[in-house]
N, C-alpha and C. Protein backbone atom coordinates (compact mmCIF):
# COMPACT_ATOMS: atom_id res chain seq x y z
N UNK A 1 6.17 80.55 -20.60
CA UNK A 1 6.15 79.83 -19.36
C UNK A 1 6.42 78.36 -19.64
N UNK A 2 7.25 77.71 -18.82
CA UNK A 2 7.57 76.31 -18.96
C UNK A 2 6.76 75.50 -17.97
N UNK A 3 6.31 74.31 -18.41
CA UNK A 3 5.60 73.40 -17.53
C UNK A 3 6.26 72.04 -17.61
N UNK A 4 6.17 71.25 -16.53
CA UNK A 4 6.78 69.93 -16.49
C UNK A 4 5.89 68.90 -17.17
N UNK A 5 6.52 67.92 -17.81
CA UNK A 5 5.81 66.86 -18.50
C UNK A 5 6.64 65.60 -18.37
N UNK A 6 6.02 64.46 -17.99
CA UNK A 6 6.79 63.23 -17.91
C UNK A 6 5.93 62.03 -18.27
N UNK A 7 6.60 60.98 -18.69
CA UNK A 7 5.99 59.69 -18.97
C UNK A 7 6.80 58.67 -18.20
N UNK A 8 6.15 57.71 -17.57
CA UNK A 8 6.89 56.73 -16.79
C UNK A 8 7.78 55.91 -17.71
N UNK A 9 8.98 55.55 -17.23
CA UNK A 9 9.87 54.71 -18.03
C UNK A 9 9.21 53.39 -18.43
N UNK A 10 8.39 52.82 -17.56
CA UNK A 10 7.72 51.55 -17.87
C UNK A 10 6.79 51.71 -19.07
N UNK A 11 6.05 52.82 -19.13
CA UNK A 11 5.14 53.06 -20.26
C UNK A 11 5.94 53.25 -21.55
N UNK A 12 7.05 53.99 -21.46
CA UNK A 12 7.89 54.20 -22.63
C UNK A 12 8.41 52.87 -23.16
N UNK A 13 8.89 52.01 -22.28
CA UNK A 13 9.39 50.69 -22.69
C UNK A 13 8.26 49.88 -23.32
N UNK A 14 7.08 49.91 -22.71
CA UNK A 14 5.94 49.17 -23.25
C UNK A 14 5.60 49.64 -24.66
N UNK A 15 5.58 50.95 -24.88
CA UNK A 15 5.28 51.49 -26.21
C UNK A 15 6.34 51.07 -27.23
N UNK A 16 7.61 51.12 -26.82
CA UNK A 16 8.67 50.75 -27.74
C UNK A 16 8.62 49.26 -28.07
N UNK A 17 8.38 48.43 -27.07
CA UNK A 17 8.36 46.99 -27.29
C UNK A 17 7.11 46.53 -28.02
N UNK A 18 6.03 47.28 -27.94
CA UNK A 18 4.78 46.87 -28.57
C UNK A 18 4.79 47.09 -30.09
N UNK A 19 5.83 47.75 -30.60
CA UNK A 19 5.91 47.97 -32.03
C UNK A 19 5.13 49.19 -32.48
N UNK A 20 4.63 49.98 -31.54
CA UNK A 20 3.88 51.19 -31.90
C UNK A 20 4.80 52.22 -32.57
N UNK A 21 6.05 52.21 -32.22
CA UNK A 21 6.98 53.21 -32.73
C UNK A 21 8.27 52.53 -33.15
N UNK A 22 8.93 53.08 -34.15
CA UNK A 22 10.26 52.65 -34.51
C UNK A 22 11.21 53.73 -34.03
N UNK A 23 12.03 53.44 -33.02
CA UNK A 23 12.92 54.47 -32.49
C UNK A 23 14.16 54.66 -33.36
N UNK A 24 14.59 55.90 -33.46
CA UNK A 24 15.79 56.26 -34.21
C UNK A 24 16.60 57.24 -33.39
N UNK A 25 17.86 57.35 -33.76
CA UNK A 25 18.65 58.52 -33.40
C UNK A 25 18.65 59.38 -34.65
N UNK A 26 18.55 60.69 -34.48
CA UNK A 26 18.68 61.62 -35.59
C UNK A 26 20.08 62.20 -35.47
N UNK A 27 20.95 61.82 -36.40
CA UNK A 27 22.36 62.17 -36.31
C UNK A 27 22.78 63.10 -37.43
N UNK A 28 23.67 64.00 -37.10
CA UNK A 28 24.29 64.84 -38.11
C UNK A 28 25.12 63.91 -38.99
N UNK A 29 24.86 63.93 -40.28
CA UNK A 29 25.52 63.02 -41.20
C UNK A 29 27.04 63.18 -41.11
N UNK A 30 27.73 62.06 -41.10
CA UNK A 30 29.20 61.99 -41.05
C UNK A 30 29.80 62.55 -39.76
N UNK A 31 29.01 62.66 -38.72
CA UNK A 31 29.56 63.02 -37.40
C UNK A 31 28.97 62.04 -36.40
N UNK A 32 29.38 62.15 -35.18
CA UNK A 32 28.80 61.34 -34.12
C UNK A 32 28.02 62.25 -33.16
N UNK A 33 27.29 63.22 -33.73
CA UNK A 33 26.47 64.15 -32.94
C UNK A 33 25.00 63.88 -33.23
N UNK A 34 24.21 63.70 -32.18
CA UNK A 34 22.79 63.37 -32.30
C UNK A 34 21.92 64.44 -31.65
N UNK A 35 20.66 64.51 -32.12
CA UNK A 35 19.68 65.36 -31.46
C UNK A 35 19.53 64.85 -30.03
N UNK A 36 19.48 65.78 -29.09
CA UNK A 36 19.58 65.44 -27.68
C UNK A 36 18.72 66.40 -26.86
N UNK A 37 17.92 65.85 -25.96
CA UNK A 37 17.19 66.68 -25.01
C UNK A 37 17.90 66.55 -23.66
N UNK A 38 18.47 67.64 -23.14
CA UNK A 38 19.12 67.54 -21.83
C UNK A 38 18.12 67.00 -20.80
N UNK A 39 18.49 65.90 -20.14
CA UNK A 39 17.55 65.23 -19.23
C UNK A 39 18.32 64.42 -18.22
N UNK A 40 17.93 64.55 -16.97
CA UNK A 40 18.59 63.79 -15.91
C UNK A 40 17.62 62.84 -15.21
N UNK A 41 16.48 62.57 -15.84
CA UNK A 41 15.49 61.67 -15.25
C UNK A 41 14.34 62.41 -14.58
N UNK A 42 14.54 63.69 -14.28
CA UNK A 42 13.45 64.48 -13.71
C UNK A 42 12.54 64.94 -14.85
N UNK A 43 11.36 65.44 -14.56
CA UNK A 43 10.48 65.88 -15.66
C UNK A 43 11.19 66.89 -16.56
N UNK A 44 10.95 66.75 -17.84
CA UNK A 44 11.50 67.69 -18.82
C UNK A 44 10.56 68.87 -18.91
N UNK A 45 11.10 70.06 -18.87
CA UNK A 45 10.29 71.26 -18.96
C UNK A 45 9.93 71.54 -20.41
N UNK A 46 8.67 71.85 -20.65
CA UNK A 46 8.25 72.27 -21.99
C UNK A 46 9.07 73.49 -22.37
N UNK A 47 9.58 73.50 -23.59
CA UNK A 47 10.39 74.62 -24.04
C UNK A 47 11.89 74.39 -23.88
N UNK A 48 12.29 73.22 -23.41
CA UNK A 48 13.71 72.90 -23.28
C UNK A 48 14.35 72.89 -24.66
N UNK A 49 15.49 73.57 -24.80
CA UNK A 49 16.21 73.62 -26.08
C UNK A 49 16.72 72.24 -26.44
N UNK A 50 16.58 71.86 -27.70
CA UNK A 50 17.14 70.62 -28.22
C UNK A 50 18.54 70.97 -28.73
N UNK A 51 19.51 70.14 -28.36
CA UNK A 51 20.91 70.41 -28.70
C UNK A 51 21.52 69.20 -29.40
N UNK A 52 22.77 69.33 -29.76
CA UNK A 52 23.54 68.20 -30.23
C UNK A 52 24.35 67.65 -29.07
N UNK A 53 24.59 66.35 -29.10
CA UNK A 53 25.46 65.70 -28.13
C UNK A 53 26.02 64.45 -28.78
N UNK A 54 27.13 63.98 -28.26
CA UNK A 54 27.71 62.76 -28.79
C UNK A 54 26.67 61.65 -28.75
N UNK A 55 26.53 60.93 -29.85
CA UNK A 55 25.57 59.82 -29.91
C UNK A 55 26.01 58.75 -28.92
N UNK A 56 25.09 58.39 -28.02
CA UNK A 56 25.42 57.47 -26.94
C UNK A 56 24.71 56.13 -27.07
N UNK A 57 24.18 55.81 -28.21
CA UNK A 57 23.38 54.61 -28.33
C UNK A 57 21.93 54.98 -28.10
N UNK A 58 21.13 54.03 -27.80
CA UNK A 58 19.68 54.26 -27.69
C UNK A 58 19.30 54.75 -26.29
N UNK A 59 19.82 55.90 -25.90
CA UNK A 59 19.43 56.50 -24.63
C UNK A 59 18.11 57.25 -24.82
N UNK A 60 17.32 57.32 -23.78
CA UNK A 60 15.99 57.94 -23.88
C UNK A 60 16.04 59.35 -24.45
N UNK A 61 17.01 60.15 -24.04
CA UNK A 61 17.02 61.54 -24.48
C UNK A 61 17.62 61.74 -25.87
N UNK A 62 17.97 60.61 -26.55
CA UNK A 62 18.44 60.69 -27.93
C UNK A 62 17.63 59.78 -28.85
N UNK A 63 16.53 59.26 -28.35
CA UNK A 63 15.69 58.36 -29.14
C UNK A 63 14.46 59.10 -29.61
N UNK A 64 14.19 59.02 -30.91
CA UNK A 64 13.10 59.75 -31.54
C UNK A 64 12.29 58.82 -32.43
N UNK A 65 11.02 59.10 -32.57
CA UNK A 65 10.19 58.40 -33.54
C UNK A 65 9.75 59.40 -34.59
N UNK A 66 9.71 58.94 -35.82
CA UNK A 66 9.29 59.79 -36.93
C UNK A 66 8.03 59.15 -37.48
N UNK A 67 6.92 59.84 -37.28
CA UNK A 67 5.64 59.25 -37.68
C UNK A 67 4.62 60.36 -37.95
N UNK A 68 3.92 60.24 -39.06
CA UNK A 68 2.85 61.18 -39.41
C UNK A 68 3.28 62.64 -39.36
N UNK A 69 4.49 62.91 -39.82
CA UNK A 69 4.95 64.30 -39.90
C UNK A 69 5.42 64.90 -38.61
N UNK A 70 5.61 64.07 -37.59
CA UNK A 70 6.14 64.63 -36.34
C UNK A 70 7.32 63.80 -35.88
N UNK A 71 8.17 64.42 -35.10
CA UNK A 71 9.34 63.76 -34.52
C UNK A 71 9.16 63.85 -33.01
N UNK A 72 8.88 62.70 -32.40
CA UNK A 72 8.59 62.64 -30.97
C UNK A 72 9.73 61.96 -30.23
N UNK A 73 9.97 62.42 -29.01
CA UNK A 73 11.07 61.88 -28.23
C UNK A 73 10.69 61.57 -26.80
N UNK A 74 11.65 61.73 -25.93
CA UNK A 74 11.53 61.38 -24.53
C UNK A 74 10.35 62.10 -23.86
N UNK A 75 9.68 61.39 -22.99
CA UNK A 75 8.58 61.93 -22.18
C UNK A 75 7.43 62.48 -23.00
N UNK A 76 7.22 61.96 -24.20
CA UNK A 76 6.10 62.41 -25.01
C UNK A 76 6.29 63.80 -25.60
N UNK A 77 7.52 64.27 -25.61
CA UNK A 77 7.81 65.59 -26.17
C UNK A 77 8.05 65.48 -27.68
N UNK A 78 7.64 66.50 -28.40
CA UNK A 78 7.87 66.58 -29.84
C UNK A 78 8.89 67.66 -30.16
N UNK A 79 9.60 67.45 -31.26
CA UNK A 79 10.47 68.48 -31.79
C UNK A 79 9.56 69.61 -32.26
N UNK A 80 9.83 70.82 -31.84
CA UNK A 80 8.96 71.96 -32.09
C UNK A 80 9.82 73.18 -32.39
N UNK A 81 9.21 74.21 -32.93
CA UNK A 81 9.89 75.48 -33.18
C UNK A 81 9.27 76.52 -32.25
N UNK A 82 10.12 77.19 -31.51
CA UNK A 82 9.64 78.18 -30.54
C UNK A 82 8.77 79.22 -31.21
N UNK A 83 7.61 79.43 -30.67
CA UNK A 83 6.63 80.42 -31.14
C UNK A 83 6.17 80.18 -32.58
N UNK A 84 6.36 78.97 -33.09
CA UNK A 84 5.94 78.62 -34.46
C UNK A 84 6.56 79.57 -35.47
N UNK A 85 7.76 80.06 -35.18
CA UNK A 85 8.40 81.09 -36.01
C UNK A 85 9.14 80.47 -37.18
N UNK A 86 8.69 80.72 -38.39
CA UNK A 86 9.33 80.22 -39.61
C UNK A 86 10.39 81.21 -40.08
N UNK A 87 11.36 81.47 -39.21
CA UNK A 87 12.42 82.44 -39.52
C UNK A 87 13.78 81.83 -39.22
N UNK A 88 14.79 82.31 -39.94
CA UNK A 88 16.15 81.85 -39.68
C UNK A 88 16.52 82.14 -38.23
N UNK A 89 17.12 81.15 -37.59
CA UNK A 89 17.56 81.31 -36.21
C UNK A 89 16.52 80.94 -35.16
N UNK A 90 15.30 80.59 -35.57
CA UNK A 90 14.27 80.21 -34.59
C UNK A 90 14.74 78.97 -33.82
N UNK A 91 14.68 79.01 -32.49
CA UNK A 91 15.13 77.88 -31.68
C UNK A 91 14.23 76.65 -31.85
N UNK A 92 14.86 75.49 -31.86
CA UNK A 92 14.14 74.22 -31.87
C UNK A 92 14.10 73.72 -30.44
N UNK A 93 12.90 73.39 -29.99
CA UNK A 93 12.66 73.05 -28.58
C UNK A 93 11.87 71.75 -28.47
N UNK A 94 11.78 71.24 -27.26
CA UNK A 94 10.94 70.07 -26.97
C UNK A 94 9.66 70.58 -26.30
N UNK A 95 8.52 70.17 -26.85
CA UNK A 95 7.21 70.57 -26.32
C UNK A 95 6.29 69.36 -26.31
N UNK A 96 5.28 69.37 -25.43
CA UNK A 96 4.29 68.29 -25.50
C UNK A 96 3.69 68.25 -26.91
N UNK A 97 3.54 67.04 -27.43
CA UNK A 97 2.99 66.89 -28.79
C UNK A 97 1.55 67.40 -28.83
N UNK A 98 1.29 68.34 -29.75
CA UNK A 98 -0.05 68.92 -29.86
C UNK A 98 -0.48 69.16 -31.30
N UNK A 99 0.37 68.78 -32.26
CA UNK A 99 0.00 68.91 -33.67
C UNK A 99 0.14 70.31 -34.23
N UNK A 100 0.76 71.22 -33.50
CA UNK A 100 0.90 72.59 -33.99
C UNK A 100 1.81 72.63 -35.22
N UNK A 101 1.75 73.74 -35.95
CA UNK A 101 2.53 73.88 -37.18
C UNK A 101 4.03 73.71 -36.94
N UNK A 102 4.51 74.13 -35.79
CA UNK A 102 5.93 74.02 -35.46
C UNK A 102 6.37 72.60 -35.19
N UNK A 103 5.41 71.67 -35.10
CA UNK A 103 5.74 70.27 -34.86
C UNK A 103 5.63 69.42 -36.11
N UNK A 104 5.43 70.03 -37.27
CA UNK A 104 5.35 69.30 -38.53
C UNK A 104 6.73 69.30 -39.19
N UNK A 105 7.24 68.10 -39.45
CA UNK A 105 8.57 67.93 -40.01
C UNK A 105 8.53 66.96 -41.17
N UNK A 106 9.48 67.12 -42.06
CA UNK A 106 9.61 66.20 -43.19
C UNK A 106 11.07 65.77 -43.26
N UNK A 107 11.29 64.47 -43.30
CA UNK A 107 12.63 63.92 -43.44
C UNK A 107 12.72 63.38 -44.86
N UNK A 108 13.58 64.01 -45.67
CA UNK A 108 13.64 63.66 -47.08
C UNK A 108 15.03 63.93 -47.64
N UNK A 109 15.64 62.92 -48.23
CA UNK A 109 16.95 63.05 -48.88
C UNK A 109 18.00 63.71 -47.98
N UNK A 110 18.01 63.33 -46.70
CA UNK A 110 19.03 63.83 -45.79
C UNK A 110 18.73 65.17 -45.15
N UNK A 111 17.62 65.79 -45.51
CA UNK A 111 17.24 67.06 -44.89
C UNK A 111 16.05 66.83 -43.96
N UNK A 112 16.01 67.59 -42.89
CA UNK A 112 14.85 67.64 -42.01
C UNK A 112 14.29 69.04 -42.12
N UNK A 113 13.11 69.16 -42.74
CA UNK A 113 12.51 70.48 -42.95
C UNK A 113 11.28 70.63 -42.08
N UNK A 114 11.10 71.85 -41.60
CA UNK A 114 9.98 72.16 -40.73
C UNK A 114 9.16 73.31 -41.26
N UNK A 115 8.57 74.05 -40.35
CA UNK A 115 7.67 75.15 -40.67
C UNK A 115 8.34 76.12 -41.65
N UNK A 116 7.59 76.54 -42.64
CA UNK A 116 8.09 77.48 -43.64
C UNK A 116 9.11 76.88 -44.59
N UNK A 117 9.25 75.53 -44.59
CA UNK A 117 10.23 74.89 -45.46
C UNK A 117 11.67 75.12 -45.02
N UNK A 118 11.86 75.58 -43.77
CA UNK A 118 13.20 75.82 -43.23
C UNK A 118 13.84 74.51 -42.78
N UNK A 119 15.15 74.45 -42.83
CA UNK A 119 15.90 73.24 -42.48
C UNK A 119 16.38 73.26 -41.03
N UNK A 120 16.45 72.07 -40.47
CA UNK A 120 17.06 71.88 -39.15
C UNK A 120 18.55 72.13 -39.30
N UNK A 121 19.12 72.93 -38.41
CA UNK A 121 20.51 73.38 -38.55
C UNK A 121 21.05 73.73 -37.17
N UNK A 122 22.30 74.17 -37.13
CA UNK A 122 22.93 74.70 -35.93
C UNK A 122 23.49 76.08 -36.24
N UNK A 123 23.59 76.96 -35.25
CA UNK A 123 24.08 78.32 -35.52
C UNK A 123 25.47 78.31 -36.17
N UNK A 124 25.61 79.06 -37.23
CA UNK A 124 26.89 79.19 -37.91
C UNK A 124 27.37 77.92 -38.60
N UNK A 125 26.52 76.89 -38.64
CA UNK A 125 26.90 75.65 -39.27
C UNK A 125 27.94 74.85 -38.50
N UNK A 126 28.17 75.22 -37.23
CA UNK A 126 29.19 74.58 -36.40
C UNK A 126 28.60 73.37 -35.68
N UNK A 127 28.94 72.17 -36.16
CA UNK A 127 28.43 70.93 -35.58
C UNK A 127 29.34 70.56 -34.41
N UNK A 128 28.94 71.00 -33.22
CA UNK A 128 29.75 70.75 -32.03
C UNK A 128 28.87 70.27 -30.88
N UNK A 129 29.49 69.64 -29.93
CA UNK A 129 28.81 69.17 -28.72
C UNK A 129 28.07 70.34 -28.07
N UNK A 130 26.84 70.14 -27.72
CA UNK A 130 25.92 71.08 -27.04
C UNK A 130 25.42 72.21 -27.94
N UNK A 131 25.73 72.19 -29.24
CA UNK A 131 25.22 73.25 -30.12
C UNK A 131 23.70 73.18 -30.13
N UNK A 132 23.02 74.32 -29.94
CA UNK A 132 21.56 74.33 -29.98
C UNK A 132 21.06 74.20 -31.42
N UNK A 133 19.91 73.58 -31.59
CA UNK A 133 19.33 73.45 -32.92
C UNK A 133 18.46 74.66 -33.25
N UNK A 134 18.47 75.02 -34.53
CA UNK A 134 17.70 76.16 -35.01
C UNK A 134 17.10 75.80 -36.37
N UNK A 135 16.25 76.69 -36.86
CA UNK A 135 15.80 76.63 -38.26
C UNK A 135 16.68 77.57 -39.07
N UNK A 136 16.88 77.20 -40.33
CA UNK A 136 17.65 78.06 -41.23
C UNK A 136 17.20 77.80 -42.67
N UNK A 137 17.42 78.77 -43.54
CA UNK A 137 17.14 78.59 -44.95
C UNK A 137 17.96 77.40 -45.45
N UNK A 138 17.32 76.51 -46.19
CA UNK A 138 17.99 75.31 -46.70
C UNK A 138 19.02 75.69 -47.75
N UNK A 139 20.27 75.26 -47.50
CA UNK A 139 21.36 75.53 -48.43
C UNK A 139 22.09 74.26 -48.85
N UNK A 140 21.76 73.15 -48.22
CA UNK A 140 22.46 71.90 -48.50
C UNK A 140 23.79 71.78 -47.79
N UNK A 141 24.07 72.68 -46.86
CA UNK A 141 25.35 72.64 -46.14
C UNK A 141 25.45 71.38 -45.28
N UNK A 142 26.66 70.96 -44.92
CA UNK A 142 26.84 69.76 -44.10
C UNK A 142 26.08 69.82 -42.76
N UNK A 143 25.91 71.00 -42.20
CA UNK A 143 25.20 71.11 -40.92
C UNK A 143 23.70 70.91 -41.07
N UNK A 144 23.22 70.81 -42.30
CA UNK A 144 21.78 70.56 -42.55
C UNK A 144 21.54 69.15 -43.06
N UNK A 145 22.53 68.29 -42.98
CA UNK A 145 22.41 66.91 -43.45
C UNK A 145 22.25 66.00 -42.23
N UNK A 146 21.21 65.18 -42.26
CA UNK A 146 20.84 64.32 -41.11
C UNK A 146 20.58 62.91 -41.58
N UNK A 147 20.76 61.98 -40.68
CA UNK A 147 20.44 60.58 -40.98
C UNK A 147 19.71 59.97 -39.78
N UNK A 148 18.84 59.02 -40.08
CA UNK A 148 18.16 58.27 -39.03
C UNK A 148 18.91 56.98 -38.84
N UNK A 149 19.31 56.70 -37.60
CA UNK A 149 20.06 55.47 -37.30
C UNK A 149 19.20 54.55 -36.47
C-alpha cells in the first residue's frame, strides 16, 4: 500500500541553507543521468520507483544527501529497497526514512552498495532515460559506477 508524504518547500530550503545537509546529485559515472524521483510538486507516494533522468542541476527530485549510511531525497524520502529484498532485480524505491535495512547504503570507490552487499544498478546495464533502479550483484560494470556531484 502506498501513502502520501510531503515536506514544505520552505522547510526543505531552511534545512539545506542551515548546513544540516550537503546536497548532491547521484550520477551514473560518465553519463548525464541522475537518480530521480518522478515528482510534479504533489505529495510523493511511498513506494515510488526511483529512476534515471537527465541531470537537470539541483532540482528537488534529483537532490540527495548522504549521511549516516542513508541516502535521503525530496520530501524526506530515503532510497530504499522494496520489501528489504537482498536479491538481484529488487526495485529501488523512495520511502519515508525509517532506518530499515533496505535504507542502509555505502558509497565507496564509485559503487553504491545496499542490503546484502548488492550494487545499485539498472536492468540489463542499460543506462537510459527513465530506467528504473534495481539491486544487482556487484560486477564493476559501467552501470554500477556512480559519482556524487
